Amino acid sequence: MQASVSATGSIRRLLRRFRRNRRASAALEFALVAPIFFALLFAIIETALMFFAGQVLETITQDSARMILTGQAQQGSYSQSQFASYVCTQVPAALFDCNKIYVDVKSYSSFSSVTIPSQIDASGNFVNNMTYSPGAAGDIVVVRVFYQWPIFVTGLGYNIANLSGSKRLLVGTAAFKNEPYS
Protein backbone atom coordinates (compact mmCIF):
# COMPACT_ATOMS: atom_id res chain seq x y z
CA MET A 1 0.00 0.00 0.00
CA GLN A 2 2.87 2.32 0.89
CA ALA A 3 4.49 1.66 -2.52
CA SER A 4 1.36 2.63 -4.45
CA VAL A 5 0.97 5.89 -2.45
CA SER A 6 4.60 6.87 -3.05
CA ALA A 7 4.30 5.94 -6.76
CA THR A 8 1.18 8.10 -7.06
CA GLY A 9 2.97 10.96 -5.29
CA SER A 10 5.96 10.73 -7.60
CA ILE A 11 3.67 10.77 -10.66
CA ARG A 12 1.95 13.87 -9.30
CA ARG A 13 5.29 15.58 -8.72
CA LEU A 14 6.39 14.66 -12.23
CA LEU A 15 3.17 16.06 -13.73
CA ARG A 16 3.48 19.30 -11.69
CA ARG A 17 7.07 19.70 -12.84
CA PHE A 18 6.04 19.06 -16.46
CA ARG A 19 3.24 21.69 -16.22
CA ARG A 20 5.65 24.34 -14.92
CA ASN A 21 8.31 23.67 -17.57
CA ARG A 22 7.40 25.75 -20.67
CA ARG A 23 10.67 25.36 -22.60
CA ALA A 24 9.36 22.80 -25.11
CA SER A 25 5.88 24.27 -25.58
CA ALA A 26 6.84 26.30 -28.67
CA ALA A 27 8.38 23.25 -30.33
CA LEU A 28 5.33 21.16 -29.51
CA GLU A 29 2.95 23.81 -30.86
CA PHE A 30 5.02 24.14 -34.03
CA ALA A 31 5.01 20.36 -34.49
CA LEU A 32 1.21 20.40 -34.29
CA VAL A 33 0.62 23.39 -36.58
CA ALA A 34 3.48 23.05 -39.11
CA PRO A 35 2.11 20.17 -41.24
CA ILE A 36 -1.21 21.95 -41.77
CA PHE A 37 0.51 25.28 -42.42
CA PHE A 38 2.90 23.83 -45.00
CA ALA A 39 0.15 21.79 -46.69
CA LEU A 40 -1.94 24.94 -47.03
CA LEU A 41 1.06 26.95 -48.24
CA PHE A 42 1.95 24.39 -50.93
CA ALA A 43 -1.71 24.12 -52.02
CA ILE A 44 -1.87 27.91 -52.45
CA ILE A 45 1.39 27.97 -54.42
CA GLU A 46 0.30 25.09 -56.64
CA THR A 47 -3.10 26.67 -57.32
CA ALA A 48 -1.51 30.02 -58.16
CA LEU A 49 0.99 28.35 -60.49
CA MET A 50 -1.79 26.41 -62.21
CA PHE A 51 -3.87 29.57 -62.75
CA PHE A 52 -0.80 31.37 -64.08
CA ALA A 53 -0.14 28.49 -66.49
CA GLY A 54 -3.78 28.64 -67.60
CA GLN A 55 -3.46 32.34 -68.39
CA VAL A 56 -0.23 31.75 -70.30
CA LEU A 57 -1.97 28.99 -72.29
CA GLU A 58 -4.82 31.41 -73.12
CA THR A 59 -2.30 33.97 -74.38
CA ILE A 60 -0.50 31.33 -76.46
CA THR A 61 -3.85 30.28 -77.95
CA GLN A 62 -4.83 33.85 -78.83
CA ASP A 63 -1.44 34.62 -80.39
CA SER A 64 -1.35 31.37 -82.36
CA ALA A 65 -4.96 31.68 -83.53
CA ARG A 66 -4.03 34.96 -85.17
CA MET A 67 -2.18 32.94 -87.86
CA ILE A 68 -5.52 31.39 -88.85
CA LEU A 69 -7.57 34.56 -88.31
CA THR A 70 -5.45 36.51 -90.79
CA GLY A 71 -5.25 33.63 -93.31
CA GLN A 72 -1.48 33.15 -92.96
CA ALA A 73 -1.87 29.48 -92.02
CA GLN A 74 -4.29 28.81 -94.90
CA GLN A 75 -2.17 30.63 -97.48
CA GLY A 76 0.93 28.86 -96.19
CA SER A 77 -0.91 25.50 -96.48
CA TYR A 78 -0.14 24.64 -92.86
CA SER A 79 -0.84 21.07 -91.85
CA GLN A 80 -1.93 20.11 -88.35
CA SER A 81 1.64 19.29 -87.33
CA GLN A 82 2.99 22.54 -88.81
CA PHE A 83 0.42 24.59 -86.92
CA ALA A 84 1.17 22.62 -83.73
CA SER A 85 4.87 23.37 -84.27
CA TYR A 86 4.03 27.05 -84.64
CA VAL A 87 2.10 26.91 -81.35
CA CYS A 88 5.16 25.33 -79.74
CA THR A 89 7.30 28.29 -80.78
CA GLN A 90 5.04 30.45 -78.58
CA VAL A 91 5.37 28.17 -75.53
CA PRO A 92 7.76 29.08 -72.70
CA ALA A 93 9.88 25.96 -72.15
CA ALA A 94 10.13 26.56 -68.41
CA LEU A 95 6.36 26.19 -67.97
CA PHE A 96 5.17 23.63 -70.53
CA ASP A 97 6.49 20.52 -72.25
CA CYS A 98 5.76 21.12 -75.93
CA ASN A 99 5.36 17.39 -76.58
CA LYS A 100 2.32 17.36 -74.27
CA ILE A 101 0.44 20.23 -75.94
CA TYR A 102 -2.57 19.30 -78.08
CA VAL A 103 -4.10 21.64 -80.68
CA ASP A 104 -7.65 21.38 -82.01
CA VAL A 105 -8.87 23.64 -84.84
CA LYS A 106 -12.44 23.40 -86.14
CA SER A 107 -14.33 25.60 -88.60
CA TYR A 108 -18.08 26.22 -88.74
CA SER A 109 -20.45 27.99 -91.10
CA SER A 110 -22.09 30.12 -88.36
CA PHE A 111 -21.71 30.89 -84.68
CA SER A 112 -24.97 29.08 -83.91
CA SER A 113 -23.57 25.82 -85.31
CA VAL A 114 -20.52 25.84 -83.00
CA THR A 115 -20.43 22.83 -80.68
CA ILE A 116 -17.56 22.32 -78.28
CA PRO A 117 -17.38 18.80 -76.87
CA SER A 118 -15.69 17.97 -73.60
CA GLN A 119 -12.23 16.45 -73.93
CA ILE A 120 -12.67 14.52 -70.67
CA ASP A 121 -14.52 11.21 -70.79
CA ALA A 122 -16.64 9.69 -68.00
CA SER A 123 -13.59 7.89 -66.55
CA GLY A 124 -11.59 11.11 -66.25
CA ASN A 125 -9.33 10.39 -69.22
CA PHE A 126 -8.24 12.90 -71.85
CA VAL A 127 -9.93 12.38 -75.23
CA ASN A 128 -7.40 12.98 -77.99
CA ASN A 129 -9.52 13.51 -81.10
CA MET A 130 -7.76 16.62 -82.37
CA THR A 131 -8.65 17.91 -85.83
CA TYR A 132 -7.31 20.68 -88.03
CA SER A 133 -9.81 22.57 -90.15
CA PRO A 134 -8.81 26.27 -90.33
CA GLY A 135 -11.64 27.14 -92.73
CA ALA A 136 -11.69 29.73 -95.48
CA ALA A 137 -12.15 33.50 -95.45
CA GLY A 138 -15.26 34.45 -93.47
CA ASP A 139 -15.62 31.08 -91.71
CA ILE A 140 -16.13 30.75 -87.97
CA VAL A 141 -13.15 29.01 -86.34
CA VAL A 142 -12.57 27.68 -82.83
CA VAL A 143 -8.96 27.04 -81.82
CA ARG A 144 -8.36 25.12 -78.61
CA VAL A 145 -5.02 24.31 -77.02
CA PHE A 146 -4.86 21.65 -74.29
CA TYR A 147 -2.26 20.79 -71.68
CA GLN A 148 -2.44 18.17 -68.93
CA TRP A 149 -1.05 19.97 -65.89
CA PRO A 150 0.32 17.68 -63.12
CA ILE A 151 -1.10 18.21 -59.62
CA PHE A 152 1.08 17.33 -56.62
CA VAL A 153 -0.80 18.59 -53.55
CA THR A 154 -3.92 16.42 -53.43
CA GLY A 155 -4.09 15.60 -49.74
CA LEU A 156 -6.28 16.93 -46.95
CA GLY A 157 -9.37 16.86 -49.17
CA TYR A 158 -7.96 19.45 -51.59
CA ASN A 159 -7.87 17.92 -55.05
CA ILE A 160 -8.34 20.15 -58.11
CA ALA A 161 -7.49 17.40 -60.59
CA ASN A 162 -10.14 16.73 -63.24
CA LEU A 163 -8.19 14.00 -65.08
CA SER A 164 -7.09 10.62 -63.83
CA GLY A 165 -3.51 10.41 -62.65
CA SER A 166 -3.68 13.65 -60.61
CA LYS A 167 -3.73 16.00 -63.59
CA ARG A 168 -5.82 19.04 -64.48
CA LEU A 169 -6.73 19.78 -68.08
CA LEU A 170 -5.85 23.35 -68.94
CA VAL A 171 -7.63 24.72 -72.01
CA GLY A 172 -7.02 27.88 -74.02
CA THR A 173 -9.81 28.78 -76.45
CA ALA A 174 -10.13 31.34 -79.24
CA ALA A 175 -13.33 31.70 -81.28
CA PHE A 176 -13.42 34.13 -84.21
CA LYS A 177 -14.52 34.81 -87.76
CA ASN A 178 -11.72 34.60 -90.30
CA GLU A 179 -10.78 37.85 -91.98
CA PRO A 180 -11.62 38.25 -95.67
CA TYR A 181 -8.08 37.50 -96.83
CA SER A 182 -7.46 36.94 -100.53
C-alpha atoms as a PDB file:
ATOM      1  CA  MET A   1       0.000   0.000   0.000  1.00  0.00           C
ATOM      2  CA  GLN A   2       2.873   2.322   0.886  1.00  0.00           C
ATOM      3  CA  ALA A   3       4.489   1.658  -2.515  1.00  0.00           C
ATOM      4  CA  SER A   4       1.358   2.633  -4.448  1.00  0.00           C
ATOM      5  CA  VAL A   5       0.971   5.889  -2.453  1.00  0.00           C
ATOM      6  CA  SER A   6       4.601   6.871  -3.050  1.00  0.00           C
ATOM      7  CA  ALA A   7       4.297   5.940  -6.760  1.00  0.00           C
ATOM      8  CA  THR A   8       1.178   8.101  -7.056  1.00  0.00           C
ATOM      9  CA  GLY A   9       2.972  10.963  -5.286  1.00  0.00           C
ATOM     10  CA  SER A  10       5.964  10.732  -7.602  1.00  0.00           C
ATOM     11  CA  ILE A  11       3.674  10.765 -10.657  1.00  0.00           C
ATOM     12  CA  ARG A  12       1.947  13.871  -9.298  1.00  0.00           C
ATOM     13  CA  ARG A  13       5.290  15.583  -8.724  1.00  0.00           C
ATOM     14  CA  LEU A  14       6.390  14.659 -12.232  1.00  0.00           C
ATOM     15  CA  LEU A  15       3.172  16.063 -13.731  1.00  0.00           C
ATOM     16  CA  ARG A  16       3.480  19.304 -11.694  1.00  0.00           C
ATOM     17  CA  ARG A  17       7.066  19.700 -12.841  1.00  0.00           C
ATOM     18  CA  PHE A  18       6.036  19.062 -16.461  1.00  0.00           C
ATOM     19  CA  ARG A  19       3.239  21.688 -16.218  1.00  0.00           C
ATOM     20  CA  ARG A  20       5.646  24.337 -14.917  1.00  0.00           C
ATOM     21  CA  ASN A  21       8.306  23.674 -17.567  1.00  0.00           C
ATOM     22  CA  ARG A  22       7.401  25.753 -20.670  1.00  0.00           C
ATOM     23  CA  ARG A  23      10.670  25.358 -22.605  1.00  0.00           C
ATOM     24  CA  ALA A  24       9.357  22.800 -25.114  1.00  0.00           C
ATOM     25  CA  SER A  25       5.884  24.265 -25.576  1.00  0.00           C
ATOM     26  CA  ALA A  26       6.840  26.305 -28.668  1.00  0.00           C
ATOM     27  CA  ALA A  27       8.385  23.251 -30.329  1.00  0.00           C
ATOM     28  CA  LEU A  28       5.335  21.163 -29.514  1.00  0.00           C
ATOM     29  CA  GLU A  29       2.948  23.813 -30.858  1.00  0.00           C
ATOM     30  CA  PHE A  30       5.019  24.144 -34.025  1.00  0.00           C
ATOM     31  CA  ALA A  31       5.006  20.361 -34.486  1.00  0.00           C
ATOM     32  CA  LEU A  32       1.207  20.399 -34.285  1.00  0.00           C
ATOM     33  CA  VAL A  33       0.624  23.386 -36.579  1.00  0.00           C
ATOM     34  CA  ALA A  34       3.481  23.050 -39.106  1.00  0.00           C
ATOM     35  CA  PRO A  35       2.112  20.173 -41.239  1.00  0.00           C
ATOM     36  CA  ILE A  36      -1.206  21.955 -41.767  1.00  0.00           C
ATOM     37  CA  PHE A  37       0.513  25.278 -42.420  1.00  0.00           C
ATOM     38  CA  PHE A  38       2.902  23.829 -45.004  1.00  0.00           C
ATOM     39  CA  ALA A  39       0.149  21.795 -46.691  1.00  0.00           C
ATOM     40  CA  LEU A  40      -1.937  24.944 -47.031  1.00  0.00           C
ATOM     41  CA  LEU A  41       1.056  26.955 -48.237  1.00  0.00           C
ATOM     42  CA  PHE A  42       1.948  24.390 -50.933  1.00  0.00           C
ATOM     43  CA  ALA A  43      -1.706  24.124 -52.016  1.00  0.00           C
ATOM     44  CA  ILE A  44      -1.866  27.907 -52.451  1.00  0.00           C
ATOM     45  CA  ILE A  45       1.392  27.967 -54.416  1.00  0.00           C
ATOM     46  CA  GLU A  46       0.296  25.090 -56.643  1.00  0.00           C
ATOM     47  CA  THR A  47      -3.101  26.669 -57.322  1.00  0.00           C
ATOM     48  CA  ALA A  48      -1.513  30.018 -58.160  1.00  0.00           C
ATOM     49  CA  LEU A  49       0.990  28.352 -60.487  1.00  0.00           C
ATOM     50  CA  MET A  50      -1.792  26.407 -62.212  1.00  0.00           C
ATOM     51  CA  PHE A  51      -3.870  29.568 -62.749  1.00  0.00           C
ATOM     52  CA  PHE A  52      -0.797  31.367 -64.082  1.00  0.00           C
ATOM     53  CA  ALA A  53      -0.139  28.491 -66.495  1.00  0.00           C
ATOM     54  CA  GLY A  54      -3.779  28.640 -67.601  1.00  0.00           C
ATOM     55  CA  GLN A  55      -3.456  32.338 -68.388  1.00  0.00           C
ATOM     56  CA  VAL A  56      -0.229  31.750 -70.302  1.00  0.00           C
ATOM     57  CA  LEU A  57      -1.969  28.991 -72.293  1.00  0.00           C
ATOM     58  CA  GLU A  58      -4.821  31.411 -73.115  1.00  0.00           C
ATOM     59  CA  THR A  59      -2.299  33.972 -74.379  1.00  0.00           C
ATOM     60  CA  ILE A  60      -0.503  31.333 -76.463  1.00  0.00           C
ATOM     61  CA  THR A  61      -3.851  30.284 -77.947  1.00  0.00           C
ATOM     62  CA  GLN A  62      -4.830  33.851 -78.833  1.00  0.00           C
ATOM     63  CA  ASP A  63      -1.439  34.619 -80.395  1.00  0.00           C
ATOM     64  CA  SER A  64      -1.347  31.370 -82.360  1.00  0.00           C
ATOM     65  CA  ALA A  65      -4.956  31.676 -83.531  1.00  0.00           C
ATOM     66  CA  ARG A  66      -4.028  34.961 -85.170  1.00  0.00           C
ATOM     67  CA  MET A  67      -2.185  32.937 -87.856  1.00  0.00           C
ATOM     68  CA  ILE A  68      -5.521  31.385 -88.850  1.00  0.00           C
ATOM     69  CA  LEU A  69      -7.574  34.559 -88.312  1.00  0.00           C
ATOM     70  CA  THR A  70      -5.454  36.510 -90.790  1.00  0.00           C
ATOM     71  CA  GLY A  71      -5.248  33.633 -93.306  1.00  0.00           C
ATOM     72  CA  GLN A  72      -1.485  33.151 -92.964  1.00  0.00           C
ATOM     73  CA  ALA A  73      -1.874  29.482 -92.019  1.00  0.00           C
ATOM     74  CA  GLN A  74      -4.291  28.814 -94.896  1.00  0.00           C
ATOM     75  CA  GLN A  75      -2.171  30.635 -97.480  1.00  0.00           C
ATOM     76  CA  GLY A  76       0.926  28.859 -96.193  1.00  0.00           C
ATOM     77  CA  SER A  77      -0.911  25.496 -96.478  1.00  0.00           C
ATOM     78  CA  TYR A  78      -0.143  24.640 -92.855  1.00  0.00           C
ATOM     79  CA  SER A  79      -0.843  21.069 -91.854  1.00  0.00           C
ATOM     80  CA  GLN A  80      -1.931  20.106 -88.349  1.00  0.00           C
ATOM     81  CA  SER A  81       1.641  19.286 -87.334  1.00  0.00           C
ATOM     82  CA  GLN A  82       2.992  22.540 -88.813  1.00  0.00           C
ATOM     83  CA  PHE A  83       0.425  24.592 -86.920  1.00  0.00           C
ATOM     84  CA  ALA A  84       1.168  22.621 -83.729  1.00  0.00           C
ATOM     85  CA  SER A  85       4.866  23.372 -84.269  1.00  0.00           C
ATOM     86  CA  TYR A  86       4.032  27.054 -84.636  1.00  0.00           C
ATOM     87  CA  VAL A  87       2.096  26.911 -81.354  1.00  0.00           C
ATOM     88  CA  CYS A  88       5.159  25.326 -79.740  1.00  0.00           C
ATOM     89  CA  THR A  89       7.298  28.293 -80.780  1.00  0.00           C
ATOM     90  CA  GLN A  90       5.038  30.445 -78.581  1.00  0.00           C
ATOM     91  CA  VAL A  91       5.374  28.169 -75.534  1.00  0.00           C
ATOM     92  CA  PRO A  92       7.759  29.080 -72.696  1.00  0.00           C
ATOM     93  CA  ALA A  93       9.876  25.961 -72.153  1.00  0.00           C
ATOM     94  CA  ALA A  94      10.129  26.559 -68.409  1.00  0.00           C
ATOM     95  CA  LEU A  95       6.363  26.185 -67.968  1.00  0.00           C
ATOM     96  CA  PHE A  96       5.171  23.627 -70.527  1.00  0.00           C
ATOM     97  CA  ASP A  97       6.494  20.522 -72.245  1.00  0.00           C
ATOM     98  CA  CYS A  98       5.763  21.123 -75.927  1.00  0.00           C
ATOM     99  CA  ASN A  99       5.362  17.391 -76.579  1.00  0.00           C
ATOM    100  CA  LYS A 100       2.319  17.362 -74.272  1.00  0.00           C
ATOM    101  CA  ILE A 101       0.437  20.227 -75.943  1.00  0.00           C
ATOM    102  CA  TYR A 102      -2.570  19.304 -78.083  1.00  0.00           C
ATOM    103  CA  VAL A 103      -4.095  21.638 -80.676  1.00  0.00           C
ATOM    104  CA  ASP A 104      -7.648  21.376 -82.009  1.00  0.00           C
ATOM    105  CA  VAL A 105      -8.874  23.636 -84.839  1.00  0.00           C
ATOM    106  CA  LYS A 106     -12.440  23.402 -86.142  1.00  0.00           C
ATOM    107  CA  SER A 107     -14.330  25.603 -88.598  1.00  0.00           C
ATOM    108  CA  TYR A 108     -18.080  26.217 -88.744  1.00  0.00           C
ATOM    109  CA  SER A 109     -20.454  27.994 -91.097  1.00  0.00           C
ATOM    110  CA  SER A 110     -22.087  30.120 -88.357  1.00  0.00           C
ATOM    111  CA  PHE A 111     -21.706  30.885 -84.675  1.00  0.00           C
ATOM    112  CA  SER A 112     -24.967  29.084 -83.912  1.00  0.00           C
ATOM    113  CA  SER A 113     -23.566  25.821 -85.309  1.00  0.00           C
ATOM    114  CA  VAL A 114     -20.524  25.840 -82.998  1.00  0.00           C
ATOM    115  CA  THR A 115     -20.428  22.832 -80.681  1.00  0.00           C
ATOM    116  CA  ILE A 116     -17.556  22.319 -78.281  1.00  0.00           C
ATOM    117  CA  PRO A 117     -17.384  18.801 -76.872  1.00  0.00           C
ATOM    118  CA  SER A 118     -15.688  17.968 -73.602  1.00  0.00           C
ATOM    119  CA  GLN A 119     -12.234  16.453 -73.926  1.00  0.00           C
ATOM    120  CA  ILE A 120     -12.666  14.516 -70.668  1.00  0.00           C
ATOM    121  CA  ASP A 121     -14.524  11.206 -70.794  1.00  0.00           C
ATOM    122  CA  ALA A 122     -16.644   9.692 -68.002  1.00  0.00           C
ATOM    123  CA  SER A 123     -13.591   7.892 -66.553  1.00  0.00           C
ATOM    124  CA  GLY A 124     -11.595  11.109 -66.251  1.00  0.00           C
ATOM    125  CA  ASN A 125      -9.327  10.386 -69.220  1.00  0.00           C
ATOM    126  CA  PHE A 126      -8.240  12.902 -71.852  1.00  0.00           C
ATOM    127  CA  VAL A 127      -9.935  12.384 -75.228  1.00  0.00           C
ATOM    128  CA  ASN A 128      -7.397  12.984 -77.987  1.00  0.00           C
ATOM    129  CA  ASN A 129      -9.524  13.511 -81.096  1.00  0.00           C
ATOM    130  CA  MET A 130      -7.763  16.617 -82.370  1.00  0.00           C
ATOM    131  CA  THR A 131      -8.647  17.913 -85.830  1.00  0.00           C
ATOM    132  CA  TYR A 132      -7.311  20.684 -88.029  1.00  0.00           C
ATOM    133  CA  SER A 133      -9.810  22.571 -90.151  1.00  0.00           C
ATOM    134  CA  PRO A 134      -8.809  26.266 -90.327  1.00  0.00           C
ATOM    135  CA  GLY A 135     -11.639  27.140 -92.728  1.00  0.00           C
ATOM    136  CA  ALA A 136     -11.687  29.727 -95.479  1.00  0.00           C
ATOM    137  CA  ALA A 137     -12.152  33.502 -95.450  1.00  0.00           C
ATOM    138  CA  GLY A 138     -15.257  34.452 -93.465  1.00  0.00           C
ATOM    139  CA  ASP A 139     -15.622  31.077 -91.713  1.00  0.00           C
ATOM    140  CA  ILE A 140     -16.126  30.753 -87.966  1.00  0.00           C
ATOM    141  CA  VAL A 141     -13.147  29.009 -86.341  1.00  0.00           C
ATOM    142  CA  VAL A 142     -12.569  27.682 -82.831  1.00  0.00           C
ATOM    143  CA  VAL A 143      -8.956  27.039 -81.825  1.00  0.00           C
ATOM    144  CA  ARG A 144      -8.365  25.123 -78.611  1.00  0.00           C
ATOM    145  CA  VAL A 145      -5.021  24.312 -77.022  1.00  0.00           C
ATOM    146  CA  PHE A 146      -4.859  21.649 -74.293  1.00  0.00           C
ATOM    147  CA  TYR A 147      -2.259  20.794 -71.678  1.00  0.00           C
ATOM    148  CA  GLN A 148      -2.440  18.171 -68.933  1.00  0.00           C
ATOM    149  CA  TRP A 149      -1.045  19.974 -65.887  1.00  0.00           C
ATOM    150  CA  PRO A 150       0.323  17.680 -63.124  1.00  0.00           C
ATOM    151  CA  ILE A 151      -1.097  18.213 -59.624  1.00  0.00           C
ATOM    152  CA  PHE A 152       1.078  17.327 -56.622  1.00  0.00           C
ATOM    153  CA  VAL A 153      -0.800  18.589 -53.548  1.00  0.00           C
ATOM    154  CA  THR A 154      -3.923  16.420 -53.429  1.00  0.00           C
ATOM    155  CA  GLY A 155      -4.090  15.595 -49.738  1.00  0.00           C
ATOM    156  CA  LEU A 156      -6.280  16.930 -46.950  1.00  0.00           C
ATOM    157  CA  GLY A 157      -9.370  16.861 -49.166  1.00  0.00           C
ATOM    158  CA  TYR A 158      -7.961  19.448 -51.592  1.00  0.00           C
ATOM    159  CA  ASN A 159      -7.870  17.924 -55.052  1.00  0.00           C
ATOM    160  CA  ILE A 160      -8.337  20.147 -58.111  1.00  0.00           C
ATOM    161  CA  ALA A 161      -7.494  17.402 -60.589  1.00  0.00           C
ATOM    162  CA  ASN A 162     -10.135  16.728 -63.239  1.00  0.00           C
ATOM    163  CA  LEU A 163      -8.185  14.003 -65.076  1.00  0.00           C
ATOM    164  CA  SER A 164      -7.093  10.623 -63.830  1.00  0.00           C
ATOM    165  CA  GLY A 165      -3.507  10.410 -62.654  1.00  0.00           C
ATOM    166  CA  SER A 166      -3.678  13.652 -60.607  1.00  0.00           C
ATOM    167  CA  LYS A 167      -3.729  16.001 -63.587  1.00  0.00           C
ATOM    168  CA  ARG A 168      -5.816  19.037 -64.479  1.00  0.00           C
ATOM    169  CA  LEU A 169      -6.727  19.777 -68.085  1.00  0.00           C
ATOM    170  CA  LEU A 170      -5.853  23.352 -68.942  1.00  0.00           C
ATOM    171  CA  VAL A 171      -7.629  24.725 -72.015  1.00  0.00           C
ATOM    172  CA  GLY A 172      -7.019  27.878 -74.021  1.00  0.00           C
ATOM    173  CA  THR A 173      -9.809  28.777 -76.454  1.00  0.00           C
ATOM    174  CA  ALA A 174     -10.130  31.338 -79.239  1.00  0.00           C
ATOM    175  CA  ALA A 175     -13.328  31.700 -81.283  1.00  0.00           C
ATOM    176  CA  PHE A 176     -13.418  34.125 -84.205  1.00  0.00           C
ATOM    177  CA  LYS A 177     -14.522  34.806 -87.757  1.00  0.00           C
ATOM    178  CA  ASN A 178     -11.719  34.596 -90.297  1.00  0.00           C
ATOM    179  CA  GLU A 179     -10.784  37.852 -91.977  1.00  0.00           C
ATOM    180  CA  PRO A 180     -11.621  38.253 -95.667  1.00  0.00           C
ATOM    181  CA  TYR A 181      -8.084  37.502 -96.833  1.00  0.00           C
ATOM    182  CA  SER A 182      -7.456  36.945-100.528  1.00  0.00           C
END
